[in-house]
Amino acid sequence: MIHKETIFPKLAIVIPALDEEKSIGYVMDEISKVFHAKDYSVIVVDGNSEDATADIARKKGAIVIGQKDTGYGDALLSGFIYAVEELNPFIIAMMDGDMTYDPKDILALMYPILEDNVDLAIGNRFMGIEEGAMTPINMVGNRILSWICRALLSLNICDTQCGLRVFKANIVNRLILTKKGMPFATEMIAKARFAGLKIHEAPISYRPRIGKAKLVPLKDGIRILHTILGLMLKRHTF
């Protein structure tokens, strides 16, 4: 939790959303309760939803921007760039619009950034996962990918695929992120590691999602593994 004597920084919360009309309103309500009277903005990056996602998010107070391309990574990067260029926050948080993440955990991840000069704070879902929040195959896949990433990058991070992250806004232009799909999360950690940034992990809760999952376990797992190996090979080539 943020200490009382700590000045609350300007915060931008980026949420990629595709057909999340069943949950995005609840997510916005939770964020509003947690950050009431604080200097924050929510950017919902709408991936051309065919439902009322954008309208609901806008009515709940979000800045809604349309995604020009496709993919999880492209949506996040679009939101990051908008935040940096238009809002000038000190801290950016990323989370999903399906109710899996609790906005209260953003505060827990902000603390090491404000108090310990951490650059990137990542949630560890395995420490607070609720029953039914992750299928057995997704659990195994996440464990394996995290173990590989942890070993190759020499990182003390147990959940490298977690989508709840908080970081200093000034790292966006330093990392040069390019992955448009699910491998974006891995690329972000790897490039932060290569740049010598201070990375921290803290336990968070993880709840069953509302709506249909967008992740394709085997296909996305292979892409993430390919990204890890590709980044390591490229790094050691130069």
C-alpha atoms as a PDB file:
ATOM      1  CA  MET A   1       0.000   0.000   0.000  1.00  0.00           C
ATOM      2  CA  ILE A   2       1.151   3.569  -0.710  1.00  0.00           C
ATOM      3  CA  HIS A   3       2.408   5.343   2.399  1.00  0.00           C
ATOM      4  CA  LYS A   4       0.350   8.356   3.480  1.00  0.00           C
ATOM      5  CA  GLU A   5       3.342  10.652   3.172  1.00  0.00           C
ATOM      6  CA  THR A   6       3.953   9.594  -0.416  1.00  0.00           C
ATOM      7  CA  ILE A   7       2.550  12.002  -3.003  1.00  0.00           C
ATOM      8  CA  PHE A   8       0.258  10.073  -5.336  1.00  0.00           C
ATOM      9  CA  PRO A   9       1.675  10.313  -8.865  1.00  0.00           C
ATOM     10  CA  LYS A  10      -0.185  10.952 -12.092  1.00  0.00           C
ATOM     11  CA  LEU A  11      -1.367   7.535 -13.248  1.00  0.00           C
ATOM     12  CA  ALA A  12      -2.608   6.172 -16.576  1.00  0.00           C
ATOM     13  CA  ILE A  13      -4.283   2.760 -16.669  1.00  0.00           C
ATOM     14  CA  VAL A  14      -4.273   1.054 -20.073  1.00  0.00           C
ATOM     15  CA  ILE A  15      -6.842  -1.645 -20.821  1.00  0.00           C
ATOM     16  CA  PRO A  16      -6.920  -3.529 -24.136  1.00  0.00           C
ATOM     17  CA  ALA A  17     -10.503  -4.584 -24.842  1.00  0.00           C
ATOM     18  CA  LEU A  18     -12.228  -6.698 -27.469  1.00  0.00           C
ATOM     19  CA  ASP A  19     -15.912  -7.525 -27.019  1.00  0.00           C
ATOM     20  CA  GLU A  20     -15.872  -7.045 -23.244  1.00  0.00           C
ATOM     21  CA  GLU A  21     -19.316  -5.439 -22.795  1.00  0.00           C
ATOM     22  CA  LYS A  22     -20.212  -7.914 -20.031  1.00  0.00           C
ATOM     23  CA  SER A  23     -17.278  -6.891 -17.842  1.00  0.00           C
ATOM     24  CA  ILE A  24     -15.775  -3.517 -18.811  1.00  0.00           C
ATOM     25  CA  GLY A  25     -18.362  -1.548 -16.841  1.00  0.00           C
ATOM     26  CA  TYR A  26     -17.595  -3.479 -13.661  1.00  0.00           C
ATOM     27  CA  VAL A  27     -13.861  -2.996 -14.226  1.00  0.00           C
ATOM     28  CA  MET A  28     -14.343   0.763 -14.574  1.00  0.00           C
ATOM     29  CA  ASP A  29     -16.467   0.862 -11.411  1.00  0.00           C
ATOM     30  CA  GLU A  30     -13.785  -0.970  -9.425  1.00  0.00           C
ATOM     31  CA  ILE A  31     -11.072   1.351 -10.708  1.00  0.00           C
ATOM     32  CA  SER A  32     -13.172   4.380  -9.773  1.00  0.00           C
ATOM     33  CA  LYS A  33     -13.612   3.107  -6.204  1.00  0.00           C
ATOM     34  CA  VAL A  34      -9.901   2.389  -5.747  1.00  0.00           C
ATOM     35  CA  PHE A  35      -8.610   5.649  -7.219  1.00  0.00           C
ATOM     36  CA  HIS A  36     -11.382   8.036  -6.232  1.00  0.00           C
ATOM     37  CA  ALA A  37     -10.099  11.631  -5.983  1.00  0.00           C
ATOM     38  CA  LYS A  38      -6.690  10.583  -7.329  1.00  0.00           C
ATOM     39  CA  ASP A  39      -5.001  11.948 -10.462  1.00  0.00           C
ATOM     40  CA  TYR A  40      -5.631   9.081 -12.843  1.00  0.00           C
ATOM     41  CA  SER A  41      -6.960   8.338 -16.321  1.00  0.00           C
ATOM     42  CA  VAL A  42      -8.175   5.102 -17.889  1.00  0.00           C
ATOM     43  CA  ILE A  43      -7.390   4.436 -21.539  1.00  0.00           C
ATOM     44  CA  VAL A  44      -9.443   1.663 -23.095  1.00  0.00           C
ATOM     45  CA  VAL A  45      -7.978   0.533 -26.401  1.00  0.00           C
ATOM     46  CA  ASP A  46     -10.883  -0.932 -28.327  1.00  0.00           C
ATOM     47  CA  GLY A  47      -9.900  -3.649 -30.783  1.00  0.00           C
ATOM     48  CA  ASN A  48     -12.861  -3.016 -33.113  1.00  0.00           C
ATOM     49  CA  SER A  49     -15.384  -4.623 -30.772  1.00  0.00           C
ATOM     50  CA  GLU A  50     -18.677  -5.734 -32.268  1.00  0.00           C
ATOM     51  CA  ASP A  51     -20.561  -5.086 -29.043  1.00  0.00           C
ATOM     52  CA  ALA A  52     -21.063  -2.108 -26.717  1.00  0.00           C
ATOM     53  CA  THR A  53     -17.604  -2.255 -25.094  1.00  0.00           C
ATOM     54  CA  ALA A  54     -16.495   1.195 -26.285  1.00  0.00           C
ATOM     55  CA  ASP A  55     -19.783   2.905 -25.407  1.00  0.00           C
ATOM     56  CA  ILE A  56     -19.897   1.433 -21.909  1.00  0.00           C
ATOM     57  CA  ALA A  57     -16.256   2.300 -21.204  1.00  0.00           C
ATOM     58  CA  ARG A  58     -16.766   5.858 -22.423  1.00  0.00           C
ATOM     59  CA  LYS A  59     -19.895   6.334 -20.302  1.00  0.00           C
ATOM     60  CA  LYS A  60     -17.955   5.104 -17.273  1.00  0.00           C
ATOM     61  CA  GLY A  61     -15.298   7.780 -17.801  1.00  0.00           C
ATOM     62  CA  ALA A  62     -12.620   6.069 -19.877  1.00  0.00           C
ATOM     63  CA  ILE A  63     -10.736   7.620 -22.746  1.00  0.00           C
ATOM     64  CA  VAL A  64     -11.500   5.230 -25.595  1.00  0.00           C
ATOM     65  CA  ILE A  65      -9.158   4.985 -28.549  1.00  0.00           C
ATOM     66  CA  GLY A  66      -9.623   2.706 -31.529  1.00  0.00           C
ATOM     67  CA  GLN A  67      -6.984   0.130 -32.353  1.00  0.00           C
ATOM     68  CA  LYS A  68      -5.694   0.552 -35.903  1.00  0.00           C
ATOM     69  CA  ASP A  69      -4.024  -2.858 -36.098  1.00  0.00           C
ATOM     70  CA  THR A  70      -4.797  -6.089 -34.242  1.00  0.00           C
ATOM     71  CA  GLY A  71      -3.353  -8.058 -31.325  1.00  0.00           C
ATOM     72  CA  TYR A  72      -2.874  -7.812 -27.572  1.00  0.00           C
ATOM     73  CA  GLY A  73       0.576  -6.265 -27.811  1.00  0.00           C
ATOM     74  CA  ASP A  74      -0.428  -3.734 -30.426  1.00  0.00           C
ATOM     75  CA  ALA A  75      -3.360  -2.615 -28.265  1.00  0.00           C
ATOM     76  CA  LEU A  76      -1.166  -2.163 -25.194  1.00  0.00           C
ATOM     77  CA  LEU A  77       1.535  -0.291 -27.076  1.00  0.00           C
ATOM     78  CA  SER A  78      -1.082   1.984 -28.659  1.00  0.00           C
ATOM     79  CA  GLY A  79      -2.356   2.778 -25.174  1.00  0.00           C
ATOM     80  CA  PHE A  80       1.139   3.359 -23.788  1.00  0.00           C
ATOM     81  CA  ILE A  81       2.038   5.760 -26.599  1.00  0.00           C
ATOM     82  CA  TYR A  82      -1.230   7.664 -26.215  1.00  0.00           C
ATOM     83  CA  ALA A  83      -0.649   7.967 -22.470  1.00  0.00           C
ATOM     84  CA  VAL A  84       2.899   9.273 -22.875  1.00  0.00           C
ATOM     85  CA  GLU A  85       2.109  11.707 -25.673  1.00  0.00           C
ATOM     86  CA  GLU A  86      -1.267  13.006 -24.515  1.00  0.00           C
ATOM     87  CA  LEU A  87      -1.409  12.600 -20.729  1.00  0.00           C
ATOM     88  CA  ASN A  88       2.214  12.694 -19.535  1.00  0.00           C
ATOM     89  CA  PRO A  89       1.760  10.383 -16.519  1.00  0.00           C
ATOM     90  CA  PHE A  90       4.537   9.393 -14.155  1.00  0.00           C
ATOM     91  CA  ILE A  91       3.281   5.815 -13.904  1.00  0.00           C
ATOM     92  CA  ILE A  92       1.431   3.564 -16.336  1.00  0.00           C
ATOM     93  CA  ALA A  93      -0.482   0.447 -15.320  1.00  0.00           C
ATOM     94  CA  MET A  94      -1.753  -2.254 -17.654  1.00  0.00           C
ATOM     95  CA  MET A  95      -4.562  -4.660 -16.881  1.00  0.00           C
ATOM     96  CA  ASP A  96      -7.294  -6.615 -18.667  1.00  0.00           C
ATOM     97  CA  GLY A  97     -10.936  -5.684 -19.088  1.00  0.00           C
ATOM     98  CA  ASP A  98     -12.399  -9.060 -18.125  1.00  0.00           C
ATOM     99  CA  MET A  99     -12.446  -8.751 -14.305  1.00  0.00           C
ATOM    100  CA  THR A 100      -9.551 -11.186 -13.790  1.00  0.00           C
ATOM    101  CA  TYR A 101      -7.428  -8.496 -12.119  1.00  0.00           C
ATOM    102  CA  ASP A 102      -8.317  -6.425  -9.060  1.00  0.00           C
ATOM    103  CA  PRO A 103      -7.402  -2.712  -9.404  1.00  0.00           C
ATOM    104  CA  LYS A 104      -6.424  -2.720  -5.717  1.00  0.00           C
ATOM    105  CA  ASP A 105      -3.334  -4.669  -6.723  1.00  0.00           C
ATOM    106  CA  ILE A 106      -2.172  -1.731  -8.828  1.00  0.00           C
ATOM    107  CA  LEU A 107      -1.520   0.076  -5.553  1.00  0.00           C
ATOM    108  CA  ALA A 108       0.572  -2.845  -4.267  1.00  0.00           C
ATOM    109  CA  LEU A 109       2.662  -2.755  -7.425  1.00  0.00           C
ATOM    110  CA  MET A 110       3.039   1.024  -7.305  1.00  0.00           C
ATOM    111  CA  TYR A 111       4.618   0.932  -3.848  1.00  0.00           C
ATOM    112  CA  PRO A 112       8.057  -0.479  -4.872  1.00  0.00           C
ATOM    113  CA  ILE A 113       8.211   1.987  -7.768  1.00  0.00           C
ATOM    114  CA  LEU A 114       7.609   4.977  -5.516  1.00  0.00           C
ATOM    115  CA  GLU A 115       9.555   3.761  -2.485  1.00  0.00           C
ATOM    116  CA  ASP A 116      12.333   1.537  -3.866  1.00  0.00           C
ATOM    117  CA  ASN A 117      12.999   3.111  -7.272  1.00  0.00           C
ATOM    118  CA  VAL A 118      11.770   0.042  -9.159  1.00  0.00           C
ATOM    119  CA  ASP A 119      11.172   0.572 -12.893  1.00  0.00           C
ATOM    120  CA  LEU A 120       8.752  -2.278 -13.621  1.00  0.00           C
ATOM    121  CA  ALA A 121       6.539  -4.143 -11.144  1.00  0.00           C
ATOM    122  CA  ILE A 122       4.817  -7.378 -12.193  1.00  0.00           C
ATOM    123  CA  GLY A 123       2.055  -9.311 -10.472  1.00  0.00           C
ATOM    124  CA  ASN A 124       2.408 -12.947  -9.447  1.00  0.00           C
ATOM    125  CA  ARG A 125      -0.973 -14.616 -10.040  1.00  0.00           C
ATOM    126  CA  PHE A 126       0.138 -17.964  -8.641  1.00  0.00           C
ATOM    127  CA  MET A 127       0.154 -16.508  -5.130  1.00  0.00           C
ATOM    128  CA  GLY A 128      -3.541 -15.579  -5.146  1.00  0.00           C
ATOM    129  CA  ILE A 129      -5.301 -17.470  -7.897  1.00  0.00           C
ATOM    130  CA  GLU A 130      -8.971 -18.238  -7.314  1.00  0.00           C
ATOM    131  CA  GLU A 131     -10.560 -21.572  -8.163  1.00  0.00           C
ATOM    132  CA  GLY A 132     -11.538 -21.729 -11.831  1.00  0.00           C
ATOM    133  CA  ALA A 133      -9.538 -18.659 -12.816  1.00  0.00           C
ATOM    134  CA  MET A 134      -7.093 -20.629 -14.948  1.00  0.00           C
ATOM    135  CA  THR A 135      -7.530 -23.938 -16.748  1.00  0.00           C
ATOM    136  CA  PRO A 136      -5.080 -26.754 -15.944  1.00  0.00           C
ATOM    137  CA  ILE A 137      -3.465 -26.495 -19.392  1.00  0.00           C
ATOM    138  CA  ASN A 138      -3.036 -22.734 -19.028  1.00  0.00           C
ATOM    139  CA  MET A 139      -1.584 -23.210 -15.551  1.00  0.00           C
ATOM    140  CA  VAL A 140       0.989 -25.728 -16.790  1.00  0.00           C
ATOM    141  CA  GLY A 141       1.798 -23.627 -19.834  1.00  0.00           C
ATOM    142  CA  ASN A 142       2.322 -20.482 -17.782  1.00  0.00           C
ATOM    143  CA  ARG A 143       4.548 -22.337 -15.332  1.00  0.00           C
ATOM    144  CA  ILE A 144       6.707 -23.761 -18.131  1.00  0.00           C
ATOM    145  CA  LEU A 145       7.028 -20.480 -20.041  1.00  0.00           C
ATOM    146  CA  SER A 146       7.830 -18.609 -16.834  1.00  0.00           C
ATOM    147  CA  TRP A 147      10.490 -21.179 -15.906  1.00  0.00           C
ATOM    148  CA  ILE A 148      12.149 -20.906 -19.337  1.00  0.00           C
ATOM    149  CA  CYS A 149      12.037 -17.125 -19.324  1.00  0.00           C
ATOM    150  CA  ARG A 150      13.323 -16.982 -15.749  1.00  0.00           C
ATOM    151  CA  ALA A 151      16.214 -19.320 -16.533  1.00  0.00           C
ATOM    152  CA  LEU A 152      17.298 -17.660 -19.781  1.00  0.00           C
ATOM    153  CA  LEU A 153      17.030 -14.111 -18.460  1.00  0.00           C
ATOM    154  CA  SER A 154      18.368 -14.859 -14.968  1.00  0.00           C
ATOM    155  CA  LEU A 155      15.278 -13.244 -13.477  1.00  0.00           C
ATOM    156  CA  ASN A 156      13.707 -13.869 -10.105  1.00  0.00           C
ATOM    157  CA  ILE A 157      10.194 -13.648 -11.567  1.00  0.00           C
ATOM    158  CA  CYS A 158       7.751 -16.529 -11.070  1.00  0.00           C
ATOM    159  CA  ASP A 159       4.920 -15.332 -13.334  1.00  0.00           C
ATOM    160  CA  THR A 160       6.424 -13.804 -16.460  1.00  0.00           C
ATOM    161  CA  GLN A 161       3.130 -13.927 -18.369  1.00  0.00           C
ATOM    162  CA  CYS A 162       1.083 -11.880 -15.905  1.00  0.00           C
ATOM    163  CA  GLY A 163      -0.907  -9.093 -17.559  1.00  0.00           C
ATOM    164  CA  LEU A 164      -1.095  -6.796 -14.537  1.00  0.00           C
ATOM    165  CA  ARG A 165       1.967  -4.570 -14.538  1.00  0.00           C
ATOM    166  CA  VAL A 166       2.896  -1.115 -13.310  1.00  0.00           C
ATOM    167  CA  PHE A 167       5.889   0.832 -14.560  1.00  0.00           C
ATOM    168  CA  LYS A 168       7.482   4.232 -14.914  1.00  0.00           C
ATOM    169  CA  ALA A 169       6.146   5.904 -18.048  1.00  0.00           C
ATOM    170  CA  ASN A 170       9.625   6.925 -19.149  1.00  0.00           C
ATOM    171  CA  ILE A 171      10.546   3.333 -20.015  1.00  0.00           C
ATOM    172  CA  VAL A 172       8.073   3.175 -22.925  1.00  0.00           C
ATOM    173  CA  ASN A 173      10.383   4.934 -25.363  1.00  0.00           C
ATOM    174  CA  ARG A 174      13.449   3.127 -24.036  1.00  0.00           C
ATOM    175  CA  LEU A 175      12.327  -0.435 -24.656  1.00  0.00           C
ATOM    176  CA  ILE A 176      11.307  -0.205 -28.353  1.00  0.00           C
ATOM    177  CA  LEU A 177       8.550  -2.816 -28.101  1.00  0.00           C
ATOM    178  CA  THR A 178       7.382  -4.371 -31.372  1.00  0.00           C
ATOM    179  CA  LYS A 179       5.439  -7.599 -30.744  1.00  0.00           C
ATOM    180  CA  LYS A 180       1.779  -7.258 -31.719  1.00  0.00           C
ATOM    181  CA  GLY A 181       0.355 -10.392 -30.075  1.00  0.00           C
ATOM    182  CA  MET A 182       0.634 -12.254 -26.786  1.00  0.00           C
ATOM    183  CA  PRO A 183       4.471 -12.425 -26.914  1.00  0.00           C
ATOM    184  CA  PHE A 184       4.438  -8.688 -26.111  1.00  0.00           C
ATOM    185  CA  ALA A 185       4.427  -9.440 -22.377  1.00  0.00           C
ATOM    186  CA  THR A 186       7.568 -11.547 -22.683  1.00  0.00           C
ATOM    187  CA  GLU A 187       9.285  -9.036 -24.946  1.00  0.00           C
ATOM    188  CA  MET A 188       8.611  -6.305 -22.398  1.00  0.00           C
ATOM    189  CA  ILE A 189      10.298  -8.227 -19.594  1.00  0.00           C
ATOM    190  CA  ALA A 190      13.249  -9.323 -21.741  1.00  0.00           C
ATOM    191  CA  LYS A 191      13.997  -5.844 -23.059  1.00  0.00           C
ATOM    192  CA  ALA A 192      13.629  -4.363 -19.583  1.00  0.00           C
ATOM    193  CA  ARG A 193      16.152  -6.928 -18.358  1.00  0.00           C
ATOM    194  CA  PHE A 194      18.560  -6.163 -21.230  1.00  0.00           C
ATOM    195  CA  ALA A 195      18.238  -2.429 -20.502  1.00  0.00           C
ATOM    196  CA  GLY A 196      19.294  -2.992 -16.900  1.00  0.00           C
ATOM    197  CA  LEU A 197      15.986  -1.838 -15.450  1.00  0.00           C
ATOM    198  CA  LYS A 198      15.014  -2.781 -11.914  1.00  0.00           C
ATOM    199  CA  ILE A 199      12.187  -5.353 -12.008  1.00  0.00           C
ATOM    200  CA  HIS A 200      10.070  -6.374  -9.035  1.00  0.00           C
ATOM    201  CA  GLU A 201       7.355  -8.992  -8.516  1.00  0.00           C
ATOM    202  CA  ALA A 202       4.568  -8.975  -5.923  1.00  0.00           C
ATOM    203  CA  PRO A 203       1.660 -11.344  -5.209  1.00  0.00           C
ATOM    204  CA  ILE A 204      -1.741 -10.366  -6.608  1.00  0.00           C
ATOM    205  CA  SER A 205      -5.184 -11.935  -6.820  1.00  0.00           C
ATOM    206  CA  TYR A 206      -6.470 -13.545 -10.010  1.00  0.00           C
ATOM    207  CA  ARG A 207     -10.172 -14.125 -10.576  1.00  0.00           C
ATOM    208  CA  PRO A 208     -12.258 -16.109 -13.091  1.00  0.00           C
ATOM    209  CA  ARG A 209     -12.814 -14.009 -16.178  1.00  0.00           C
ATOM    210  CA  ILE A 210     -16.158 -12.776 -17.459  1.00  0.00           C
ATOM    211  CA  GLY A 211     -16.692 -13.582 -21.116  1.00  0.00           C
ATOM    212  CA  LYS A 212     -14.809 -15.634 -23.661  1.00  0.00           C
ATOM    213  CA  ALA A 213     -11.021 -16.008 -23.402  1.00  0.00           C
ATOM    214  CA  LYS A 214      -8.938 -14.666 -26.306  1.00  0.00           C
ATOM    215  CA  LEU A 215      -5.847 -16.754 -25.548  1.00  0.00           C
ATOM    216  CA  VAL A 216      -5.143 -19.812 -27.728  1.00  0.00           C
ATOM    217  CA  PRO A 217      -2.900 -21.830 -25.337  1.00  0.00           C
ATOM    218  CA  LEU A 218      -0.784 -23.961 -27.685  1.00  0.00           C
ATOM    219  CA  LYS A 219      -0.511 -21.433 -30.516  1.00  0.00           C
ATOM    220  CA  ASP A 220       0.276 -18.489 -28.255  1.00  0.00           C
ATOM    221  CA  GLY A 221       2.602 -20.599 -26.098  1.00  0.00           C
ATOM    222  CA  ILE A 222       4.714 -21.503 -29.133  1.00  0.00           C
ATOM    223  CA  ARG A 223       4.842 -17.865 -30.216  1.00  0.00           C
ATOM    224  CA  ILE A 224       5.934 -16.773 -26.749  1.00  0.00           C
ATOM    225  CA  LEU A 225       8.657 -19.441 -26.625  1.00  0.00           C
ATOM    226  CA  HIS A 226       9.846 -18.396 -30.078  1.00  0.00           C
ATOM    227  CA  THR A 227      10.005 -14.794 -28.880  1.00  0.00           C
ATOM    228  CA  ILE A 228      12.089 -15.711 -25.835  1.00  0.00           C
ATOM    229  CA  LEU A 229      14.613 -17.682 -27.885  1.00  0.00           C
ATOM    230  CA  GLY A 230      14.698 -15.058 -30.631  1.00  0.00           C
ATOM    231  CA  LEU A 231      15.429 -12.233 -28.219  1.00  0.00           C
ATOM    232  CA  MET A 232      18.177 -14.211 -26.516  1.00  0.00           C
ATOM    233  CA  LEU A 233      19.779 -15.128 -29.861  1.00  0.00           C
ATOM    234  CA  LYS A 234      19.619 -11.540 -31.094  1.00  0.00           C
ATOM    235  CA  ARG A 235      21.150 -10.252 -27.885  1.00  0.00           C
ATOM    236  CA  HIS A 236      24.100 -12.622 -28.040  1.00  0.00           C
ATOM    237  CA  THR A 237      24.667 -11.964 -31.751  1.00  0.00           C
ATOM    238  CA  PHE A 238      25.755  -8.382 -31.196  1.00  0.00           C
END
